[in-house]
Protein backbone atom coordinates (compact mmCIF):
# COMPACT_ATOMS: atom_id res chain seq x y z
CA UNK A 1 -13.94 -61.73 -13.95
CA UNK A 2 -15.62 -59.02 -11.90
CA UNK A 3 -15.02 -55.27 -11.86
CA UNK A 4 -12.79 -55.37 -8.77
CA UNK A 5 -10.44 -57.89 -10.41
CA UNK A 6 -10.22 -55.72 -13.54
CA UNK A 7 -9.43 -52.64 -11.45
CA UNK A 8 -6.76 -54.50 -9.46
CA UNK A 9 -5.16 -55.66 -12.70
CA UNK A 10 -5.37 -52.19 -14.30
CA UNK A 11 -3.65 -50.39 -11.40
CA UNK A 12 -0.20 -52.03 -11.76
CA UNK A 13 -0.36 -51.77 -15.55
CA UNK A 14 -1.17 -48.06 -15.26
CA UNK A 15 1.66 -47.53 -12.78
CA UNK A 16 4.17 -49.27 -15.04
CA UNK A 17 2.99 -47.17 -17.99
CA UNK A 18 3.40 -43.91 -16.02
CA UNK A 19 6.82 -44.97 -14.71
CA UNK A 20 8.03 -45.72 -18.24
CA UNK A 21 6.62 -42.41 -19.51
CA UNK A 22 8.39 -40.46 -16.74
CA UNK A 23 11.62 -42.37 -17.29
CA UNK A 24 11.59 -41.66 -21.03
CA UNK A 25 10.91 -37.94 -20.48
CA UNK A 26 13.30 -37.67 -17.52
CA UNK A 27 15.75 -35.36 -19.36
CA UNK A 28 12.90 -33.03 -20.14
CA UNK A 29 11.73 -32.80 -16.52
CA UNK A 30 15.20 -33.09 -14.87
CA UNK A 31 15.06 -32.78 -11.09
CA UNK A 32 11.39 -31.81 -10.83
CA UNK A 33 10.10 -35.37 -10.94
CA UNK A 34 12.60 -37.19 -8.74
CA UNK A 35 10.04 -37.26 -5.94
CA UNK A 36 7.35 -38.59 -8.28
CA UNK A 37 9.64 -41.40 -9.47
CA UNK A 38 10.45 -42.35 -5.87
CA UNK A 39 6.75 -42.39 -4.97
CA UNK A 40 5.98 -44.70 -7.88
CA UNK A 41 8.72 -47.11 -6.82
CA UNK A 42 7.42 -47.12 -3.22
CA UNK A 43 3.74 -47.35 -4.17
CA UNK A 44 3.66 -51.16 -4.81
CA UNK A 45 4.88 -51.81 -1.24
CA UNK A 46 1.77 -50.08 0.12
CA UNK A 47 -0.44 -52.50 -1.82
CA UNK A 48 0.89 -55.61 -0.08
CA UNK A 49 -1.75 -57.77 1.57
CA UNK A 50 0.40 -58.82 4.51
CA UNK A 51 2.28 -57.14 7.29
CA UNK A 52 5.80 -56.13 6.29
CA UNK A 53 8.67 -56.21 8.78
CA UNK A 54 11.49 -54.60 6.74
CA UNK A 55 12.56 -57.43 4.38
CA UNK A 56 10.15 -60.00 5.88
CA UNK A 57 6.51 -60.62 5.05
CA UNK A 58 4.30 -61.99 7.83
CA UNK A 59 0.89 -63.36 6.85
CA UNK A 60 -1.87 -65.53 8.25
CA UNK A 61 -1.68 -69.16 7.14
CA UNK A 62 -5.40 -69.94 7.28
CA UNK A 63 -7.22 -66.62 7.66
CA UNK A 64 -7.74 -63.99 4.99
CA UNK A 65 -4.97 -61.41 4.90
CA UNK A 66 -5.81 -57.74 4.78
CA UNK A 67 -3.83 -54.94 3.22
CA UNK A 68 -0.90 -53.93 5.42
CA UNK A 69 -2.14 -55.48 8.67
CA UNK A 70 -2.67 -58.74 10.52
CA UNK A 71 -6.19 -58.52 11.84
CA UNK A 72 -8.93 -61.10 12.42
CA UNK A 73 -12.45 -60.66 13.84
CA UNK A 74 -14.61 -63.42 15.33
CA UNK A 75 -17.56 -63.26 17.76
CA UNK A 76 -17.23 -59.44 17.89
CA UNK A 77 -13.65 -59.75 19.12
CA UNK A 78 -10.87 -58.30 16.94
CA UNK A 79 -7.33 -59.67 17.22
CA UNK A 80 -4.51 -57.51 15.85
CA UNK A 81 -0.87 -58.57 15.61
CA UNK A 82 2.17 -56.33 15.14
CA UNK A 83 5.16 -58.64 14.65
CA UNK A 84 8.89 -58.22 14.60
CA UNK A 85 11.79 -60.62 15.02
CA UNK A 86 12.15 -60.29 18.81
CA UNK A 87 8.64 -59.62 20.16
CA UNK A 88 5.09 -59.34 18.90
CA UNK A 89 2.37 -57.01 20.09
CA UNK A 90 -1.14 -58.45 20.45
CA UNK A 91 -4.07 -56.03 20.57
CA UNK A 92 -7.47 -57.49 21.45
CA UNK A 93 -10.55 -55.27 20.93
CA UNK A 94 -13.75 -56.33 22.69
CA UNK A 95 -16.73 -55.14 20.62
CA UNK A 96 -19.13 -57.56 22.30
CA UNK A 97 -21.52 -56.72 25.13
CA UNK A 98 -19.78 -59.08 27.58
CA UNK A 99 -16.43 -59.06 29.34
CA UNK A 100 -13.57 -61.18 28.00
CA UNK A 101 -10.97 -62.96 30.12
CA UNK A 102 -7.55 -63.94 28.78
CA UNK A 103 -5.34 -66.44 30.56
CA UNK A 104 -1.84 -65.19 29.68
CA UNK A 105 -0.23 -67.90 31.80
CA UNK A 106 -1.61 -70.69 29.62
CA UNK A 107 -1.01 -69.05 26.24
CA UNK A 108 1.40 -70.77 23.85
CA UNK A 109 3.91 -69.41 21.34
CA UNK A 110 5.09 -72.12 18.95
CA UNK A 111 8.04 -71.22 16.70
CA UNK A 112 8.83 -73.52 13.75
CA UNK A 113 6.87 -76.35 15.34
CA UNK A 114 8.66 -76.11 18.72
CA UNK A 115 6.94 -74.96 21.89
CA UNK A 116 8.65 -71.90 23.31
CA UNK A 117 8.84 -70.22 26.66
CA UNK A 118 6.62 -67.13 26.50
CA UNK A 119 8.08 -63.84 27.77
CA UNK A 120 5.94 -60.89 28.87
CA UNK A 121 8.11 -57.76 28.90
CA UNK A 122 5.20 -55.45 29.82
CA UNK A 123 3.12 -57.67 32.12
CA UNK A 124 3.28 -55.99 35.51
CA UNK A 125 1.95 -58.83 37.67
CA UNK A 126 3.03 -62.24 36.33
CA UNK A 127 1.42 -63.93 39.35
CA UNK A 128 -2.01 -62.77 38.10
CA UNK A 129 -2.47 -64.72 34.87
CA UNK A 130 -5.89 -63.36 33.90
CA UNK A 131 -6.61 -60.08 32.14
CA UNK A 132 -10.15 -58.81 31.77
CA UNK A 133 -11.24 -56.76 28.78
CA UNK A 134 -14.43 -54.83 29.46
CA UNK A 135 -17.03 -54.38 26.74
CA UNK A 136 -16.07 -51.79 24.08
CA UNK A 137 -12.44 -51.58 25.25
CA UNK A 138 -9.14 -53.08 24.14
CA UNK A 139 -5.96 -54.44 25.67
CA UNK A 140 -2.43 -54.50 24.31
CA UNK A 141 0.26 -56.98 25.34
CA UNK A 142 3.78 -57.49 24.02
CA UNK A 143 5.08 -61.04 24.03
CA UNK A 144 8.40 -62.63 23.26
CA UNK A 145 9.55 -66.22 22.98
CA UNK A 146 12.61 -68.18 24.00
CA UNK A 147 13.36 -71.39 22.11
CA UNK A 148 15.89 -73.97 23.23
CA UNK A 149 17.99 -75.99 20.77
CA UNK A 150 21.16 -77.95 21.62
CA UNK A 151 21.41 -76.33 25.07
CA UNK A 152 21.26 -72.85 23.52
CA UNK A 153 18.57 -70.28 24.25
CA UNK A 154 17.38 -68.12 21.37
CA UNK A 155 15.12 -65.12 21.95
CA UNK A 156 14.51 -64.41 18.26
CA UNK A 157 11.13 -65.45 16.93
CA UNK A 158 12.53 -65.50 13.41
CA UNK A 159 15.90 -64.68 11.90
CA UNK A 160 15.81 -61.92 9.29
CA UNK A 161 19.04 -63.13 7.65
CA UNK A 162 17.61 -66.62 7.16
CA UNK A 163 14.38 -65.15 5.79
CA UNK A 164 16.33 -63.02 3.28
CA UNK A 165 18.11 -66.18 2.12
CA UNK A 166 14.74 -67.77 1.34
CA UNK A 167 14.31 -69.92 4.44
CA UNK A 168 10.69 -69.53 5.56
CA UNK A 169 9.67 -69.57 9.21
CA UNK A 170 6.40 -70.24 11.00
CA UNK A 171 4.82 -69.11 14.25
CA UNK A 172 1.65 -70.07 16.09
CA UNK A 173 0.01 -68.11 18.91
CA UNK A 174 -2.63 -69.90 20.99
CA UNK A 175 -4.74 -67.66 23.23
CA UNK A 176 -6.94 -69.09 26.02
CA UNK A 177 -10.05 -66.87 26.11
CA UNK A 178 -13.48 -66.90 27.68
CA UNK A 179 -16.31 -64.57 26.66
CA UNK A 180 -18.89 -63.78 29.32
CA UNK A 181 -19.97 -66.96 31.12
CA UNK A 182 -18.83 -69.28 28.34
CA UNK A 183 -16.15 -71.86 29.21
CA UNK A 184 -12.57 -71.09 28.22
CA UNK A 185 -11.63 -71.96 24.65
CA UNK A 186 -8.38 -71.74 22.72
CA UNK A 187 -8.07 -69.48 19.68
CA UNK A 188 -5.16 -70.38 17.42
CA UNK A 189 -3.40 -68.10 14.92
CA UNK A 190 -0.88 -69.57 12.46
CA UNK A 191 1.57 -67.31 10.66
CA UNK A 192 4.06 -67.75 7.82
CA UNK A 193 7.14 -65.53 7.70
CA UNK A 194 8.90 -65.35 4.35
CA UNK A 195 11.01 -63.06 2.23
CA UNK A 196 9.19 -59.95 1.04
CA UNK A 197 8.45 -59.89 -2.67
């Protein structure tokens, strides 16, 4: 057990101890410490390792999850995801010395194992499928998905009511990318959406 593990274990124990101490002395402090009590109840939510969308927790399935964000870096390219139930924002930061090309037309959004029609609410020119990210710059794109089941179209990527009831959901985003003169390759990101703890 290393020092970091001990510290991470000591923090919640210390918080619980302080909360109990404040609760027991609440009559003594009256209204002065209401804000402190609220902060201690909210503090554990800031320690979560996944992205929180109200009552839902979105996390990478295969990649390491970071505190409060969905971010992954490979080959000096950083991919950031800001999800919600109707559309997700993808931010791609190019920290390499070469230009990156993204083929939005061939990207895939798979929801619960079913291929979906990808919607681009902010893409100005849908006829031009490629976007170029110059070196040391970034691009942001919002995407939505439409799934079809039993002749019904559904534009929700996941249903918050189902998630609250304990029914997990999954999503996969596949981005066709080429860096510099390299041939196009597909980068896949798998996500699990479940009820927040």
